[in-house]
């Protein structure tokens, strides 16, 4: 490869919206050398996902130029065969990559089959990768029978099977616990090095730096900071002179809206204007020491579930207390999402009793369970499942309408609490993954259901928005809500009334 593996030169990217264009990238510059490992951080809506879409050739830059492995991204968009040879794509959701009807070794070999490799070559390469990833013993097992960490390692093998020059990974550990995430990073690093591939990882997880040569942060569609792991962060001044002050610097200096600028020798000195005021918090902390209602909204009693002969839950007893924030934690594959599906009536237990609001769900037929969900539950899963033609506010209003309610003040309050008020009129198809996740949480909360179930609600959120969400959930519980969350997020677990370890 001659030249950079990835080159992004003054790239702008605009999305057309009903109320005008939305700028996702605003003159972004980034160069990644062959074989380099770069991690991209940034808050939700900063442009990280758009950057990946540009690099994989599925979104064209509105201005500027970007190349991958020497190919202009517009060439990648036109020539799928080139993109298939050059790129390896790792998704946060392994379910989007792995075919459930195929076993693991066949899933890994699919890309090689497309490129024309013989059956023997495909099998040998796939088995070699699975062995290197520590999941060779699962070669003949379907993905549905795997834990989240195992399935993600298989997905990594599938992404690298054809020997790509550049690997783009989008939140590859967003749904995994810390121990499993570290294992996945190690596998990703090993497989990429063995393939001689350049690696670009977009992630909120600070642990991604364990395999990085360099870490960069994007804010507001521009490169704002860059550093090597273990070294201080360096603020970036772009070619137009834009400089983005990090939040700790703004907090420490009181610079929140405007500043005085002075040049002293070779130093640039910034000082706050006297009339600068800090931003008001959107959501108040939940009052301390309140009386919590007693009783349980939901129960699992001696529940057992197995998939493909693999036991996921064995005789589990679990209670969700009324008027409390209950968090379920555990390593990937411990059964957290299975609990969510049971309580939502989306799966049946092999044995035991599942009750929600006094109703035994296993006694209900499919249509009755759907009516029960609409009447009783608010659910936000790991994929948002939003109404793409509507904007953020309209998605919340739709949830109310389905339940025969109207409450514009409630919608506005939640949008403010979730930090989505500036985006309320923007179509959800133009939102980042983290913004969409917050819309999904708002939709689950808006109708004040009997039980709110949130599956990994901070998996795509940066630290600031995760803390904002935790504060909102505390406020909702203080107002009488009952919320069950599965999470790996320590901050969210720290704000819970009840923590259940699996």
Protein backbone atom coordinates (compact mmCIF):
# COMPACT_ATOMS: atom_id res chain seq x y z
CA UNK A 1 0.00 0.00 0.00
CA UNK A 2 1.45 3.37 -1.04
CA UNK A 3 0.46 6.35 1.11
CA UNK A 4 -1.90 6.44 4.09
CA UNK A 5 -4.30 3.56 4.76
CA UNK A 6 -6.99 6.15 5.54
CA UNK A 7 -6.96 9.79 4.51
CA UNK A 8 -9.78 12.21 5.34
CA UNK A 9 -9.08 15.66 3.93
CA UNK A 10 -11.34 18.59 4.91
CA UNK A 11 -14.48 16.45 4.67
CA UNK A 12 -17.93 17.91 5.15
CA UNK A 13 -21.03 15.73 5.26
CA UNK A 14 -24.56 17.17 5.20
CA UNK A 15 -27.86 15.38 5.72
CA UNK A 16 -31.01 16.86 4.25
CA UNK A 17 -33.73 17.44 6.83
CA UNK A 18 -37.25 18.90 6.76
CA UNK A 19 -36.02 21.98 8.64
CA UNK A 20 -32.76 22.38 6.70
CA UNK A 21 -29.46 20.59 6.24
CA UNK A 22 -27.70 18.97 9.20
CA UNK A 23 -23.88 19.06 9.23
CA UNK A 24 -22.51 15.79 10.65
CA UNK A 25 -18.89 16.41 9.59
CA UNK A 26 -17.51 19.95 9.37
CA UNK A 27 -14.08 20.00 7.79
CA UNK A 28 -12.72 16.82 9.37
CA UNK A 29 -9.06 15.89 8.81
CA UNK A 30 -7.65 12.48 9.78
CA UNK A 31 -4.73 10.38 8.52
CA UNK A 32 -4.14 6.75 9.56
CA UNK A 33 -0.93 5.07 8.43
CA UNK A 34 -0.74 1.44 7.21
CA UNK A 35 -0.80 -1.00 10.12
CA UNK A 36 -1.72 1.70 12.64
CA UNK A 37 -4.41 1.14 15.29
CA UNK A 38 -6.50 4.25 15.90
CA UNK A 39 -9.42 4.59 18.33
CA UNK A 40 -12.00 7.33 17.73
CA UNK A 41 -13.88 8.70 20.73
CA UNK A 42 -16.56 11.39 20.82
CA UNK A 43 -19.95 12.19 22.32
CA UNK A 44 -23.17 11.03 20.69
CA UNK A 45 -23.87 13.07 17.57
CA UNK A 46 -20.25 14.12 17.12
CA UNK A 47 -19.95 12.50 13.68
CA UNK A 48 -18.26 9.18 14.51
CA UNK A 49 -20.82 6.99 12.75
CA UNK A 50 -20.91 9.32 9.75
CA UNK A 51 -17.13 9.04 9.50
CA UNK A 52 -17.43 5.24 9.31
CA UNK A 53 -20.17 5.47 6.68
CA UNK A 54 -17.99 7.75 4.58
CA UNK A 55 -14.99 5.42 4.87
CA UNK A 56 -17.00 2.31 3.95
CA UNK A 57 -18.41 4.10 0.91
CA UNK A 58 -22.07 4.10 1.93
CA UNK A 59 -22.28 7.88 2.51
CA UNK A 60 -20.71 10.32 0.06
CA UNK A 61 -18.92 13.41 1.41
CA UNK A 62 -20.65 16.67 0.58
CA UNK A 63 -17.23 18.30 0.22
CA UNK A 64 -13.61 17.29 0.69
CA UNK A 65 -11.94 14.00 -0.16
CA UNK A 66 -11.48 10.67 1.61
CA UNK A 67 -9.47 7.61 0.57
CA UNK A 68 -9.21 4.07 1.96
CA UNK A 69 -6.27 1.87 0.94
CA UNK A 70 -5.59 4.34 -1.87
CA UNK A 71 -9.16 4.17 -3.26
CA UNK A 72 -11.36 7.23 -3.30
CA UNK A 73 -14.44 6.43 -1.20
CA UNK A 74 -16.62 7.27 -4.19
CA UNK A 75 -14.93 4.37 -6.00
CA UNK A 76 -15.77 2.11 -3.08
CA UNK A 77 -19.39 3.23 -3.31
CA UNK A 78 -19.56 2.31 -7.01
CA UNK A 79 -17.56 -0.92 -6.85
CA UNK A 80 -18.77 -3.37 -4.28
CA UNK A 81 -16.13 -5.90 -5.32
CA UNK A 82 -13.37 -3.45 -4.36
CA UNK A 83 -15.04 -2.66 -1.05
CA UNK A 84 -15.43 -6.37 -0.31
CA UNK A 85 -11.71 -7.00 -0.92
CA UNK A 86 -10.35 -3.91 0.82
CA UNK A 87 -12.57 -3.56 3.89
CA UNK A 88 -13.42 -5.65 6.93
CA UNK A 89 -16.46 -4.33 8.82
CA UNK A 90 -17.15 -5.12 12.49
CA UNK A 91 -20.59 -4.16 13.79
CA UNK A 92 -21.67 -3.64 17.40
CA UNK A 93 -24.57 -6.05 16.87
CA UNK A 94 -23.22 -9.45 15.81
CA UNK A 95 -26.79 -10.37 14.82
CA UNK A 96 -26.47 -8.08 11.79
CA UNK A 97 -23.41 -10.00 10.60
CA UNK A 98 -23.93 -13.65 11.51
CA UNK A 99 -26.61 -15.71 9.77
CA UNK A 100 -28.60 -17.60 12.43
CA UNK A 101 -29.36 -20.57 10.16
CA UNK A 102 -25.64 -21.28 9.56
CA UNK A 103 -23.06 -22.65 11.96
CA UNK A 104 -20.08 -20.52 13.01
CA UNK A 105 -17.50 -21.96 10.63
CA UNK A 106 -19.83 -21.44 7.65
CA UNK A 107 -20.53 -17.86 8.75
CA UNK A 108 -16.82 -17.11 8.85
CA UNK A 109 -16.25 -18.72 5.44
CA UNK A 110 -19.01 -16.79 3.65
CA UNK A 111 -16.82 -13.91 2.45
CA UNK A 112 -14.27 -16.40 1.13
CA UNK A 113 -17.02 -18.23 -0.75
CA UNK A 114 -17.99 -14.97 -2.43
CA UNK A 115 -14.36 -14.42 -3.49
CA UNK A 116 -14.22 -17.87 -5.11
CA UNK A 117 -12.08 -19.86 -2.66
CA UNK A 118 -12.53 -23.62 -2.70
CA UNK A 119 -14.58 -25.38 -0.03
CA UNK A 120 -11.43 -26.87 1.52
CA UNK A 121 -9.65 -23.49 1.57
CA UNK A 122 -12.66 -21.80 3.12
CA UNK A 123 -13.02 -24.40 5.84
CA UNK A 124 -9.32 -24.39 6.71
CA UNK A 125 -9.12 -20.58 6.87
CA UNK A 126 -12.30 -20.29 8.96
CA UNK A 127 -11.19 -22.97 11.42
CA UNK A 128 -7.77 -21.33 11.77
CA UNK A 129 -9.36 -17.95 12.60
CA UNK A 130 -11.81 -19.45 15.08
CA UNK A 131 -8.94 -21.24 16.82
CA UNK A 132 -6.95 -18.00 17.00
CA UNK A 133 -10.00 -16.27 18.51
CA UNK A 134 -10.38 -18.98 21.16
CA UNK A 135 -13.73 -20.24 19.84
CA UNK A 136 -12.59 -23.11 17.62
CA UNK A 137 -14.61 -25.56 19.71
CA UNK A 138 -17.78 -23.72 18.61
CA UNK A 139 -17.20 -24.15 14.87
CA UNK A 140 -20.27 -26.32 14.30
CA UNK A 141 -22.56 -24.42 16.69
CA UNK A 142 -25.14 -21.87 15.43
CA UNK A 143 -24.63 -18.24 16.63
CA UNK A 144 -27.92 -18.28 18.59
CA UNK A 145 -26.39 -20.74 21.06
CA UNK A 146 -23.40 -18.47 21.84
CA UNK A 147 -22.88 -15.84 24.52
CA UNK A 148 -22.49 -12.23 23.40
CA UNK A 149 -18.71 -12.36 23.75
CA UNK A 150 -18.40 -15.63 21.84
CA UNK A 151 -20.65 -14.41 19.04
CA UNK A 152 -18.69 -11.16 18.74
CA UNK A 153 -15.42 -13.08 18.42
CA UNK A 154 -16.97 -15.16 15.64
CA UNK A 155 -18.10 -11.92 13.96
CA UNK A 156 -14.52 -10.62 14.15
CA UNK A 157 -13.33 -13.76 12.38
CA UNK A 158 -15.95 -13.25 9.67
CA UNK A 159 -14.83 -9.63 9.18
CA UNK A 160 -11.17 -10.61 8.72
CA UNK A 161 -11.51 -13.93 6.90
CA UNK A 162 -10.80 -12.46 3.45
CA UNK A 163 -7.65 -10.61 4.59
CA UNK A 164 -8.83 -6.98 4.29
CA UNK A 165 -6.35 -4.12 4.19
CA UNK A 166 -8.45 -1.89 6.47
CA UNK A 167 -10.76 -2.97 9.32
CA UNK A 168 -13.48 -0.56 10.51
CA UNK A 169 -15.04 -1.46 13.87
CA UNK A 170 -18.17 0.27 15.17
CA UNK A 171 -18.53 -0.06 18.97
CA UNK A 172 -17.32 -3.69 18.88
CA UNK A 173 -17.75 -4.16 22.65
CA UNK A 174 -20.74 -1.89 23.29
CA UNK A 175 -22.89 -4.75 24.61
CA UNK A 176 -20.20 -6.64 26.53
CA UNK A 177 -19.00 -6.62 30.12
CA UNK A 178 -15.49 -5.33 30.87
CA UNK A 179 -13.77 -8.73 31.10
CA UNK A 180 -15.35 -9.98 27.87
CA UNK A 181 -14.64 -6.65 26.15
CA UNK A 182 -10.95 -6.96 26.96
CA UNK A 183 -10.94 -10.45 25.45
CA UNK A 184 -12.60 -9.15 22.28
CA UNK A 185 -10.10 -6.29 21.96
CA UNK A 186 -7.23 -8.74 22.31
CA UNK A 187 -8.70 -11.00 19.62
CA UNK A 188 -9.33 -8.02 17.31
CA UNK A 189 -5.75 -6.84 17.78
CA UNK A 190 -4.31 -10.32 17.15
CA UNK A 191 -6.39 -11.02 14.04
CA UNK A 192 -5.71 -7.58 12.55
CA UNK A 193 -1.95 -7.88 13.14
CA UNK A 194 -1.90 -11.38 11.65
CA UNK A 195 -3.68 -10.01 8.56
CA UNK A 196 -1.41 -6.95 8.38
CA UNK A 197 -4.53 -4.78 8.47
CA UNK A 198 -4.97 -1.18 9.56
CA UNK A 199 -7.53 -0.84 12.35
CA UNK A 200 -9.93 2.03 13.05
CA UNK A 201 -12.21 1.56 16.08
CA UNK A 202 -15.09 3.88 16.92
CA UNK A 203 -15.99 3.45 20.59
CA UNK A 204 -17.15 5.16 23.78
CA UNK A 205 -15.16 2.59 25.74
CA UNK A 206 -11.93 4.00 27.17
CA UNK A 207 -10.70 0.40 27.41
CA UNK A 208 -10.29 0.35 23.61
CA UNK A 209 -7.01 2.24 24.13
CA UNK A 210 -5.45 -1.04 25.34
CA UNK A 211 -4.74 -1.96 21.70
CA UNK A 212 -4.39 1.57 20.23
CA UNK A 213 -1.33 3.30 18.85
CA UNK A 214 -3.23 6.58 18.90
CA UNK A 215 -6.54 7.89 20.22
CA UNK A 216 -8.45 10.81 18.68
CA UNK A 217 -11.63 12.56 19.73
CA UNK A 218 -14.23 14.07 17.43
CA UNK A 219 -16.56 16.85 18.58
CA UNK A 220 -19.12 18.66 16.43
CA UNK A 221 -17.84 16.98 13.27
CA UNK A 222 -14.21 18.09 13.74
CA UNK A 223 -11.08 16.54 15.18
CA UNK A 224 -10.72 18.09 18.63
CA UNK A 225 -8.09 16.14 20.58
CA UNK A 226 -5.41 13.52 19.92
CA UNK A 227 -3.07 11.52 22.17
CA UNK A 228 -1.12 8.30 22.56
CA UNK A 229 -2.27 5.88 25.31
CA UNK A 230 -0.73 6.91 28.62
CA UNK A 231 0.17 10.40 27.34
CA UNK A 232 -1.63 13.74 27.94
CA UNK A 233 -4.34 14.77 25.49
CA UNK A 234 -3.38 17.41 22.92
CA UNK A 235 -5.99 19.88 21.71
CA UNK A 236 -6.17 20.11 17.90
CA UNK A 237 -6.28 23.44 16.05
CA UNK A 238 -7.57 22.75 12.55
CA UNK A 239 -6.63 24.48 9.30
CA UNK A 240 -9.32 27.13 9.83
CA UNK A 241 -8.18 27.91 13.36
CA UNK A 242 -11.05 26.11 15.11
CA UNK A 243 -10.22 24.98 18.64
CA UNK A 244 -12.59 22.97 20.84
CA UNK A 245 -12.01 23.40 24.58
CA UNK A 246 -12.31 20.09 26.50
CA UNK A 247 -15.04 20.00 29.16
CA UNK A 248 -12.59 19.81 32.11
CA UNK A 249 -10.88 22.99 30.89
CA UNK A 250 -14.22 24.79 30.55
CA UNK A 251 -15.32 23.66 33.99
CA UNK A 252 -12.03 24.64 35.64
CA UNK A 253 -11.90 28.10 34.04
CA UNK A 254 -15.60 28.97 33.97
CA UNK A 255 -15.47 29.51 30.20
CA UNK A 256 -18.93 28.40 29.14
CA UNK A 257 -20.16 30.80 26.46
CA UNK A 258 -17.50 33.42 25.63
CA UNK A 259 -13.90 34.23 26.50
CA UNK A 260 -11.26 36.92 26.33
CA UNK A 261 -8.23 36.05 24.21
CA UNK A 262 -4.70 37.37 24.74
CA UNK A 263 -1.30 36.48 23.24
CA UNK A 264 1.54 36.54 25.76
CA UNK A 265 4.80 35.75 24.04
CA UNK A 266 4.19 32.39 22.36
CA UNK A 267 1.30 31.55 24.67
CA UNK A 268 -2.42 31.93 24.00
CA UNK A 269 -4.32 32.93 27.14
CA UNK A 270 -8.11 32.49 27.45
CA UNK A 271 -10.13 33.99 30.29
CA UNK A 272 -13.90 33.99 30.89
CA UNK A 273 -16.00 37.11 30.56
CA UNK A 274 -17.58 38.13 33.86
CA UNK A 275 -21.10 37.63 32.52
CA UNK A 276 -20.55 34.03 31.37
CA UNK A 277 -22.97 31.70 33.17
CA UNK A 278 -22.79 27.91 33.49
CA UNK A 279 -25.38 25.81 31.70
CA UNK A 280 -28.31 24.80 33.88
CA UNK A 281 -28.75 21.12 34.57
CA UNK A 282 -31.59 19.59 32.56
CA UNK A 283 -32.68 17.10 35.16
CA UNK A 284 -32.68 17.55 38.94
CA UNK A 285 -31.29 14.80 41.12
CA UNK A 286 -33.85 12.50 42.66
CA UNK A 287 -34.69 13.48 46.25
CA UNK A 288 -32.83 11.46 48.86
CA UNK A 289 -34.40 9.57 51.70
CA UNK A 290 -37.85 9.14 50.12
CA UNK A 291 -40.18 6.30 51.12
CA UNK A 292 -40.17 3.54 48.52
CA UNK A 293 -43.34 1.58 47.77
CA UNK A 294 -43.28 -2.10 48.66
CA UNK A 295 -44.30 -5.12 46.62
CA UNK A 296 -43.16 -6.55 43.31
CA UNK A 297 -44.30 -5.56 39.83
CA UNK A 298 -42.67 -8.60 38.21
CA UNK A 299 -41.31 -11.99 39.28
CA UNK A 300 -39.45 -14.91 37.82
CA UNK A 301 -39.90 -18.07 39.91
CA UNK A 302 -37.67 -21.14 39.37
CA UNK A 303 -37.26 -20.14 35.72
CA UNK A 304 -35.12 -22.23 33.38
CA UNK A 305 -34.24 -21.48 29.74
CA UNK A 306 -31.98 -23.32 27.31
CA UNK A 307 -31.06 -22.47 23.71
CA UNK A 308 -29.72 -25.17 21.41
CA UNK A 309 -29.05 -27.45 24.37
CA UNK A 310 -27.13 -24.71 26.22
CA UNK A 311 -28.54 -23.71 29.61
CA UNK A 312 -28.90 -19.93 29.92
CA UNK A 313 -31.01 -19.71 33.10
CA UNK A 314 -31.34 -22.51 35.63
CA UNK A 315 -33.96 -22.21 38.38
CA UNK A 316 -33.70 -18.41 38.55
CA UNK A 317 -35.73 -16.46 41.12
CA UNK A 318 -35.90 -12.71 40.51
CA UNK A 319 -38.15 -9.93 41.77
CA UNK A 320 -38.60 -6.39 40.40
CA UNK A 321 -39.65 -4.08 43.24
CA UNK A 322 -42.33 -1.47 42.63
CA UNK A 323 -41.14 2.15 42.48
CA UNK A 324 -37.46 1.29 42.28
CA UNK A 325 -34.64 1.31 39.76
CA UNK A 326 -33.44 -2.29 39.50
CA UNK A 327 -30.24 -3.10 37.62
CA UNK A 328 -29.30 -6.59 36.41
CA UNK A 329 -25.58 -7.09 35.86
CA UNK A 330 -23.45 -10.01 34.75
CA UNK A 331 -20.94 -11.11 32.16
CA UNK A 332 -21.98 -11.46 28.55
CA UNK A 333 -23.94 -14.68 28.15
CA UNK A 334 -25.13 -14.73 31.77
CA UNK A 335 -28.79 -14.36 30.71
CA UNK A 336 -29.54 -10.62 31.05
CA UNK A 337 -31.21 -10.21 27.67
CA UNK A 338 -33.07 -13.49 28.16
CA UNK A 339 -34.61 -12.03 31.34
CA UNK A 340 -35.69 -8.96 29.37
CA UNK A 341 -37.31 -11.11 26.69
CA UNK A 342 -39.13 -13.22 29.29
CA UNK A 343 -40.54 -10.19 31.12
CA UNK A 344 -41.54 -8.61 27.81
CA UNK A 345 -43.37 -11.75 26.72
CA UNK A 346 -41.06 -12.14 23.73
CA UNK A 347 -39.76 -15.53 24.88
CA UNK A 348 -41.15 -18.40 26.95
CA UNK A 349 -39.45 -20.18 29.83
CA UNK A 350 -38.81 -23.90 29.48
CA UNK A 351 -40.01 -24.21 33.07
CA UNK A 352 -40.93 -21.94 35.96
CA UNK A 353 -43.32 -18.97 36.21
CA UNK A 354 -43.03 -15.48 34.69
CA UNK A 355 -45.41 -12.87 36.15
CA UNK A 356 -45.78 -9.17 35.37
CA UNK A 357 -48.37 -7.01 37.12
CA UNK A 358 -50.03 -10.14 38.48
CA UNK A 359 -50.40 -11.78 35.05
CA UNK A 360 -48.75 -15.11 34.20
CA UNK A 361 -47.30 -14.44 30.74
CA UNK A 362 -46.88 -18.10 29.79
CA UNK A 363 -50.66 -18.51 29.96
CA UNK A 364 -51.21 -15.84 27.28
CA UNK A 365 -51.27 -16.41 23.55
CA UNK A 366 -49.20 -14.34 21.15
CA UNK A 367 -51.88 -11.72 20.46
CA UNK A 368 -52.75 -11.43 24.14
CA UNK A 369 -49.08 -10.90 25.02
CA UNK A 370 -48.86 -8.11 22.43
CA UNK A 371 -51.91 -6.38 23.93
CA UNK A 372 -50.42 -6.82 27.41
CA UNK A 373 -47.13 -5.22 26.31
CA UNK A 374 -48.93 -2.24 24.80
CA UNK A 375 -50.99 -1.71 27.94
CA UNK A 376 -48.42 -2.43 30.65
CA UNK A 377 -44.82 -2.15 29.44
CA UNK A 378 -42.38 0.37 28.05
CA UNK A 379 -39.45 -1.37 26.35
CA UNK A 380 -36.18 -0.15 24.84
CA UNK A 381 -34.08 -2.99 23.44
CA UNK A 382 -30.50 -3.01 22.19
CA UNK A 383 -31.69 -1.88 18.77
CA UNK A 384 -33.82 1.26 18.75
CA UNK A 385 -36.55 0.14 16.29
CA UNK A 386 -37.78 3.71 15.77
CA UNK A 387 -40.28 5.04 13.23
CA UNK A 388 -37.74 6.28 10.70
CA UNK A 389 -40.11 8.65 8.89
CA UNK A 390 -40.79 10.60 12.11
CA UNK A 391 -38.61 12.95 14.11
CA UNK A 392 -37.51 12.44 17.73
CA UNK A 393 -40.50 14.24 19.25
CA UNK A 394 -42.99 12.49 16.96
CA UNK A 395 -41.63 9.08 17.99
CA UNK A 396 -42.48 9.88 21.61
CA UNK A 397 -45.88 11.26 20.62
CA UNK A 398 -46.58 8.07 18.64
CA UNK A 399 -45.98 5.98 21.78
CA UNK A 400 -48.58 8.09 23.58
CA UNK A 401 -51.08 7.90 20.71
CA UNK A 402 -50.89 4.09 20.62
CA UNK A 403 -51.94 4.12 24.29
CA UNK A 404 -54.71 6.67 23.71
CA UNK A 405 -52.82 9.51 25.41
CA UNK A 406 -51.71 13.04 24.53
CA UNK A 407 -49.20 14.97 26.62
CA UNK A 408 -46.96 17.44 24.78
CA UNK A 409 -45.51 18.73 28.05
CA UNK A 410 -44.39 15.21 28.98
CA UNK A 411 -42.72 14.79 25.58
CA UNK A 412 -40.89 18.10 25.93
CA UNK A 413 -39.74 17.29 29.48
CA UNK A 414 -38.25 13.96 28.41
CA UNK A 415 -36.52 15.44 25.37
CA UNK A 416 -34.88 18.06 27.58
CA UNK A 417 -33.93 15.47 30.19
CA UNK A 418 -32.35 13.26 27.53
CA UNK A 419 -30.44 16.16 25.97
CA UNK A 420 -32.47 15.84 22.77
CA UNK A 421 -34.36 19.15 22.79
CA UNK A 422 -32.16 20.71 20.06
CA UNK A 423 -32.83 17.62 17.90
CA UNK A 424 -36.56 17.30 18.57
CA UNK A 425 -37.57 18.12 14.99
CA UNK A 426 -34.81 16.16 13.28
CA UNK A 427 -35.78 12.89 11.51
CA UNK A 428 -34.45 9.96 13.52
CA UNK A 429 -32.78 8.49 10.44
CA UNK A 430 -30.33 11.42 10.64
CA UNK A 431 -29.46 10.86 14.30
CA UNK A 432 -26.37 9.13 15.65
CA UNK A 433 -26.57 5.73 17.32
CA UNK A 434 -26.41 7.30 20.79
CA UNK A 435 -29.09 9.85 19.95
CA UNK A 436 -31.36 7.13 18.60
CA UNK A 437 -30.79 5.11 21.76
CA UNK A 438 -31.90 8.07 23.90
CA UNK A 439 -35.02 8.52 21.74
CA UNK A 440 -35.84 4.83 22.31
CA UNK A 441 -35.49 5.28 26.09
CA UNK A 442 -37.75 8.34 25.98
CA UNK A 443 -40.32 6.37 24.00
CA UNK A 444 -40.28 3.63 26.65
CA UNK A 445 -40.81 6.15 29.46
CA UNK A 446 -43.22 8.63 27.92
CA UNK A 447 -46.56 6.89 28.61
CA UNK A 448 -45.64 6.14 32.25
CA UNK A 449 -46.16 2.36 31.90
CA UNK A 450 -46.43 -0.01 34.84
CA UNK A 451 -42.96 -1.40 34.13
CA UNK A 452 -40.15 0.09 32.05
CA UNK A 453 -37.59 -2.41 30.70
CA UNK A 454 -34.32 -1.07 29.29
CA UNK A 455 -31.75 -3.45 27.81
CA UNK A 456 -28.24 -1.92 27.92
CA UNK A 457 -29.58 1.67 27.64
CA UNK A 458 -26.12 3.30 27.77
CA UNK A 459 -24.26 0.94 25.42
CA UNK A 460 -23.92 3.64 22.73
CA UNK A 461 -23.61 6.68 25.02
CA UNK A 462 -20.55 8.67 25.99
CA UNK A 463 -19.87 9.23 29.68
CA UNK A 464 -21.66 12.58 29.89
CA UNK A 465 -24.87 11.34 28.27
CA UNK A 466 -24.76 8.12 30.31
CA UNK A 467 -24.70 10.21 33.50
CA UNK A 468 -27.52 12.37 32.14
CA UNK A 469 -29.59 9.26 31.48
CA UNK A 470 -28.91 7.89 34.96
CA UNK A 471 -30.11 11.19 36.47
CA UNK A 472 -33.27 11.08 34.37
CA UNK A 473 -34.04 7.52 35.45
CA UNK A 474 -33.56 8.51 39.10
CA UNK A 475 -36.01 11.38 38.59
CA UNK A 476 -38.53 9.07 36.90
CA UNK A 477 -38.32 6.60 39.80
CA UNK A 478 -38.74 9.46 42.27
CA UNK A 479 -41.97 10.27 40.44
CA UNK A 480 -43.22 6.70 40.86
CA UNK A 481 -41.82 4.74 37.91
CA UNK A 482 -40.64 1.13 38.15
CA UNK A 483 -37.59 0.53 35.94
CA UNK A 484 -35.55 -2.58 35.21
CA UNK A 485 -32.22 -2.13 33.38
CA UNK A 486 -29.64 -4.59 32.20
CA UNK A 487 -26.25 -2.93 32.01
CA UNK A 488 -22.48 -3.16 32.19
CA UNK A 489 -22.33 0.55 33.08
CA UNK A 490 -20.89 1.08 36.55
CA UNK A 491 -22.32 4.59 36.89
CA UNK A 492 -25.83 3.38 36.08
CA UNK A 493 -25.47 0.49 38.53
CA UNK A 494 -24.26 2.93 41.21
CA UNK A 495 -27.49 4.94 40.87
CA UNK A 496 -29.76 1.87 41.26
CA UNK A 497 -31.89 1.01 44.29
CA UNK A 498 -31.39 -2.72 43.69
CA UNK A 499 -28.52 -4.46 41.87
CA UNK A 500 -28.94 -8.11 40.88
CA UNK A 501 -25.75 -9.96 39.93
CA UNK A 502 -26.06 -12.95 37.57
